[in-house]
């Protein structure tokens, strides 16, 4: 059964897919299906099944299925799930990948074009601004704080930023807490089947690696029978 405001849910999926499509193309990734999920576990935010065969995102508040999360928050989850195309466990390899993807994305937003790929098309900027919101930046920086200590010079959100002067035991504790938090917000094997079953009738967007800038999808498409925009 469809949830209320499914047209808005589909529009959000298309916006998020559009925002990362160039990034995916640059890395040679294909996400076959992008779908909404609304699992019983209120902490779950995303699922990447089989390294991009299907990515499911929470679009709505867990306490109110009529209230939507911000696009910035959903994009944060999408970048996290794309990082799972490279690495499954939440370890240093994963967080290096996530940081690099975040850097590429935020750099493109700041410059107005994708270095090596061309200019941004209208509607891809977070919140309509040329840089991410402070809340979005804080969440990303917190998620990658332990990785940043391994860098040598630099600042901002670049991978390999300035090394931290905090004690190593404090950094290790922060890294452990980050992994625990992300383990709660990513779907486990136990959650996966429930989510995959529940999203088979959900609105979906079909993404591909063609030269089209707009992900395919319409309001009545389902996982079993996606209807593509010609």
Protein backbone atom coordinates (compact mmCIF):
# COMPACT_ATOMS: atom_id res chain seq x y z
CA UNK A 1 0.00 0.00 0.00
CA UNK A 2 1.36 3.39 -0.96
CA UNK A 3 2.05 5.91 1.75
CA UNK A 4 0.61 9.44 1.63
CA UNK A 5 2.15 12.01 -0.71
CA UNK A 6 3.83 9.36 -2.86
CA UNK A 7 4.24 11.93 -5.65
CA UNK A 8 6.51 13.94 -3.35
CA UNK A 9 8.40 10.77 -2.42
CA UNK A 10 9.05 10.00 -6.07
CA UNK A 11 10.13 13.60 -6.71
CA UNK A 12 12.64 13.34 -3.84
CA UNK A 13 14.04 10.09 -5.21
CA UNK A 14 14.47 11.68 -8.62
CA UNK A 15 16.17 14.76 -7.13
CA UNK A 16 18.59 12.65 -5.13
CA UNK A 17 19.32 10.37 -8.08
CA UNK A 18 19.88 13.36 -10.33
CA UNK A 19 22.20 14.99 -7.79
CA UNK A 20 24.60 12.03 -7.67
CA UNK A 21 24.28 10.72 -11.22
CA UNK A 22 27.41 12.47 -12.51
CA UNK A 23 29.34 11.28 -9.44
CA UNK A 24 28.22 7.72 -10.16
CA UNK A 25 29.21 8.02 -13.82
CA UNK A 26 32.66 9.30 -12.86
CA UNK A 27 33.19 6.18 -10.75
CA UNK A 28 31.65 3.79 -13.26
CA UNK A 29 28.79 2.83 -10.94
CA UNK A 30 25.26 1.83 -11.85
CA UNK A 31 22.38 1.83 -9.39
CA UNK A 32 19.63 -0.14 -11.07
CA UNK A 33 16.84 0.83 -8.68
CA UNK A 34 16.50 3.65 -6.15
CA UNK A 35 13.52 3.11 -3.85
CA UNK A 36 11.90 4.46 -0.73
CA UNK A 37 11.93 2.34 2.41
CA UNK A 38 10.01 2.77 5.65
CA UNK A 39 11.20 -0.06 7.91
CA UNK A 40 9.84 -0.81 11.36
CA UNK A 41 13.29 -0.12 12.82
CA UNK A 42 13.14 3.66 13.23
CA UNK A 43 16.92 4.02 13.25
CA UNK A 44 17.49 2.63 9.76
CA UNK A 45 18.26 5.25 7.11
CA UNK A 46 19.51 3.30 4.11
CA UNK A 47 20.27 0.00 2.42
CA UNK A 48 22.62 -0.84 -0.45
CA UNK A 49 21.73 -4.28 -1.79
CA UNK A 50 24.35 -6.15 -3.81
CA UNK A 51 26.61 -3.13 -4.37
CA UNK A 52 24.15 -0.96 -6.23
CA UNK A 53 21.61 -3.41 -7.58
CA UNK A 54 19.13 -1.61 -5.36
CA UNK A 55 19.52 1.30 -2.95
CA UNK A 56 16.70 2.04 -0.51
CA UNK A 57 16.47 5.33 1.37
CA UNK A 58 14.34 6.50 4.26
CA UNK A 59 12.51 9.60 3.05
CA UNK A 60 10.08 10.13 5.94
CA UNK A 61 10.25 10.79 9.64
CA UNK A 62 9.96 7.56 11.59
CA UNK A 63 7.29 9.08 13.84
CA UNK A 64 5.14 10.53 11.04
CA UNK A 65 4.97 9.00 7.58
CA UNK A 66 3.45 12.22 6.23
CA UNK A 67 6.52 14.27 7.25
CA UNK A 68 9.56 14.10 4.99
CA UNK A 69 13.24 14.36 5.86
CA UNK A 70 15.16 17.19 4.21
CA UNK A 71 16.77 16.57 0.86
CA UNK A 72 20.15 17.33 2.44
CA UNK A 73 19.65 14.55 4.99
CA UNK A 74 18.56 12.10 2.29
CA UNK A 75 21.57 13.02 0.13
CA UNK A 76 23.85 12.38 3.09
CA UNK A 77 22.43 8.87 3.34
CA UNK A 78 22.75 8.39 -0.43
CA UNK A 79 26.46 9.23 -0.36
CA UNK A 80 26.87 6.82 2.55
CA UNK A 81 25.15 4.05 0.62
CA UNK A 82 27.21 4.74 -2.52
CA UNK A 83 30.35 4.28 -0.42
CA UNK A 84 29.13 0.74 0.23
CA UNK A 85 29.65 0.06 -3.48
CA UNK A 86 33.35 -0.01 -2.58
CA UNK A 87 33.32 -1.43 0.93
CA UNK A 88 30.70 -3.16 3.04
CA UNK A 89 32.01 -2.93 6.63
CA UNK A 90 32.21 0.42 8.39
CA UNK A 91 36.00 0.44 8.61
CA UNK A 92 38.76 2.87 7.61
CA UNK A 93 38.49 1.88 3.93
CA UNK A 94 34.78 2.67 3.98
CA UNK A 95 35.25 6.03 5.69
CA UNK A 96 38.08 7.02 3.35
CA UNK A 97 35.72 6.26 0.46
CA UNK A 98 32.86 8.19 2.02
CA UNK A 99 35.10 11.17 2.70
CA UNK A 100 36.40 11.17 -0.88
CA UNK A 101 32.85 11.03 -2.29
CA UNK A 102 31.77 13.82 0.02
CA UNK A 103 34.74 15.94 -1.06
CA UNK A 104 33.97 15.40 -4.74
CA UNK A 105 30.33 16.29 -4.22
CA UNK A 106 30.90 19.38 -2.08
CA UNK A 107 33.64 20.62 -4.42
CA UNK A 108 31.25 20.37 -7.35
CA UNK A 109 28.61 22.30 -5.42
CA UNK A 110 31.10 25.02 -4.53
CA UNK A 111 32.55 25.37 -8.04
CA UNK A 112 29.30 24.94 -9.93
CA UNK A 113 30.67 22.12 -12.07
CA UNK A 114 32.11 18.64 -11.77
CA UNK A 115 35.90 18.78 -12.30
CA UNK A 116 36.56 16.63 -15.33
CA UNK A 117 32.87 16.12 -16.07
CA UNK A 118 31.28 19.49 -16.83
CA UNK A 119 28.86 22.00 -15.35
CA UNK A 120 26.11 21.21 -12.91
CA UNK A 121 22.63 21.15 -14.35
CA UNK A 122 19.85 23.14 -12.66
CA UNK A 123 18.36 21.66 -9.53
CA UNK A 124 21.35 19.71 -8.27
CA UNK A 125 22.53 22.11 -5.59
CA UNK A 126 21.76 21.24 -2.00
CA UNK A 127 18.93 23.41 -0.77
CA UNK A 128 19.37 25.67 -3.80
CA UNK A 129 22.67 26.94 -2.42
CA UNK A 130 26.16 26.63 -3.83
CA UNK A 131 27.48 24.96 -0.67
CA UNK A 132 25.92 22.40 1.69
CA UNK A 133 24.08 23.54 4.80
CA UNK A 134 26.02 23.71 8.05
CA UNK A 135 24.00 20.87 9.53
CA UNK A 136 24.84 18.63 6.59
CA UNK A 137 28.53 19.54 6.80
CA UNK A 138 28.62 18.87 10.54
CA UNK A 139 27.11 15.43 10.07
CA UNK A 140 29.61 14.52 7.39
CA UNK A 141 32.57 15.89 9.33
CA UNK A 142 31.49 14.00 12.45
CA UNK A 143 31.15 10.80 10.46
CA UNK A 144 34.72 11.08 9.17
CA UNK A 145 36.54 12.71 12.09
CA UNK A 146 38.80 9.75 12.82
CA UNK A 147 39.82 9.36 9.19
CA UNK A 148 40.94 12.99 8.92
CA UNK A 149 43.73 12.50 11.46
CA UNK A 150 45.62 10.41 8.91
CA UNK A 151 46.12 13.35 6.55
CA UNK A 152 49.12 15.60 6.31
CA UNK A 153 48.09 19.09 5.20
CA UNK A 154 45.01 20.94 4.08
CA UNK A 155 41.61 21.80 5.47
CA UNK A 156 37.97 22.07 4.62
CA UNK A 157 36.41 18.72 3.84
CA UNK A 158 39.27 17.30 1.78
CA UNK A 159 40.37 13.75 2.40
CA UNK A 160 43.68 14.02 4.23
CA UNK A 161 42.98 17.19 6.17
CA UNK A 162 45.12 18.54 8.97
CA UNK A 163 46.08 15.98 11.58
CA UNK A 164 44.28 16.22 14.90
CA UNK A 165 46.12 17.17 18.07
CA UNK A 166 43.72 15.19 20.24
CA UNK A 167 44.93 12.06 22.05
CA UNK A 168 44.83 8.86 20.03
CA UNK A 169 42.67 7.11 22.62
CA UNK A 170 40.05 9.85 22.25
CA UNK A 171 40.12 9.54 18.47
CA UNK A 172 39.85 5.76 18.72
CA UNK A 173 36.83 6.09 21.01
CA UNK A 174 35.19 8.50 18.58
CA UNK A 175 35.82 6.11 15.70
CA UNK A 176 34.25 3.25 17.64
CA UNK A 177 31.18 5.34 18.45
CA UNK A 178 30.88 6.35 14.80
CA UNK A 179 30.96 2.72 13.69
CA UNK A 180 28.33 1.81 16.27
CA UNK A 181 26.09 4.66 15.12
CA UNK A 182 26.42 3.78 11.46
CA UNK A 183 25.77 0.11 12.19
CA UNK A 184 22.43 1.16 13.68
CA UNK A 185 21.44 3.38 10.74
CA UNK A 186 22.44 0.88 8.02
CA UNK A 187 20.31 -2.19 7.42
CA UNK A 188 21.61 -5.49 8.77
CA UNK A 189 21.11 -8.87 7.14
CA UNK A 190 18.18 -9.37 9.49
CA UNK A 191 16.53 -6.15 8.28
CA UNK A 192 17.35 -6.65 4.61
CA UNK A 193 14.66 -9.14 3.63
CA UNK A 194 11.93 -7.12 5.33
CA UNK A 195 13.03 -4.00 3.47
CA UNK A 196 13.37 -5.70 0.09
CA UNK A 197 9.94 -7.28 0.43
CA UNK A 198 8.28 -4.06 1.57
CA UNK A 199 9.74 -2.00 -1.29
CA UNK A 200 8.64 -4.24 -4.14
CA UNK A 201 5.42 -2.22 -4.41
CA UNK A 202 7.03 1.12 -3.62
CA UNK A 203 7.63 3.99 -6.00
CA UNK A 204 11.07 3.64 -7.55
CA UNK A 205 13.48 5.49 -9.79
CA UNK A 206 15.55 3.54 -12.31
CA UNK A 207 19.08 4.95 -12.62
CA UNK A 208 21.53 4.09 -15.37
CA UNK A 209 24.93 5.16 -16.67
CA UNK A 210 23.73 6.63 -19.95
CA UNK A 211 24.32 10.20 -21.01
CA UNK A 212 20.84 11.19 -19.87
CA UNK A 213 20.95 13.70 -17.02
CA UNK A 214 17.51 12.80 -15.66
CA UNK A 215 16.90 9.50 -13.85
CA UNK A 216 14.00 7.50 -15.23
CA UNK A 217 10.83 6.86 -13.27
CA UNK A 218 7.18 7.73 -12.86
CA UNK A 219 4.74 7.67 -9.97
CA UNK A 220 3.24 4.29 -10.86
CA UNK A 221 6.47 2.40 -11.45
CA UNK A 222 7.27 -0.48 -9.14
CA UNK A 223 10.36 -2.60 -8.59
CA UNK A 224 8.86 -5.43 -10.63
CA UNK A 225 7.52 -3.17 -13.37
CA UNK A 226 9.34 0.19 -13.48
CA UNK A 227 7.89 2.57 -16.04
CA UNK A 228 10.61 4.61 -17.69
CA UNK A 229 10.37 8.16 -18.96
CA UNK A 230 10.95 8.17 -22.70
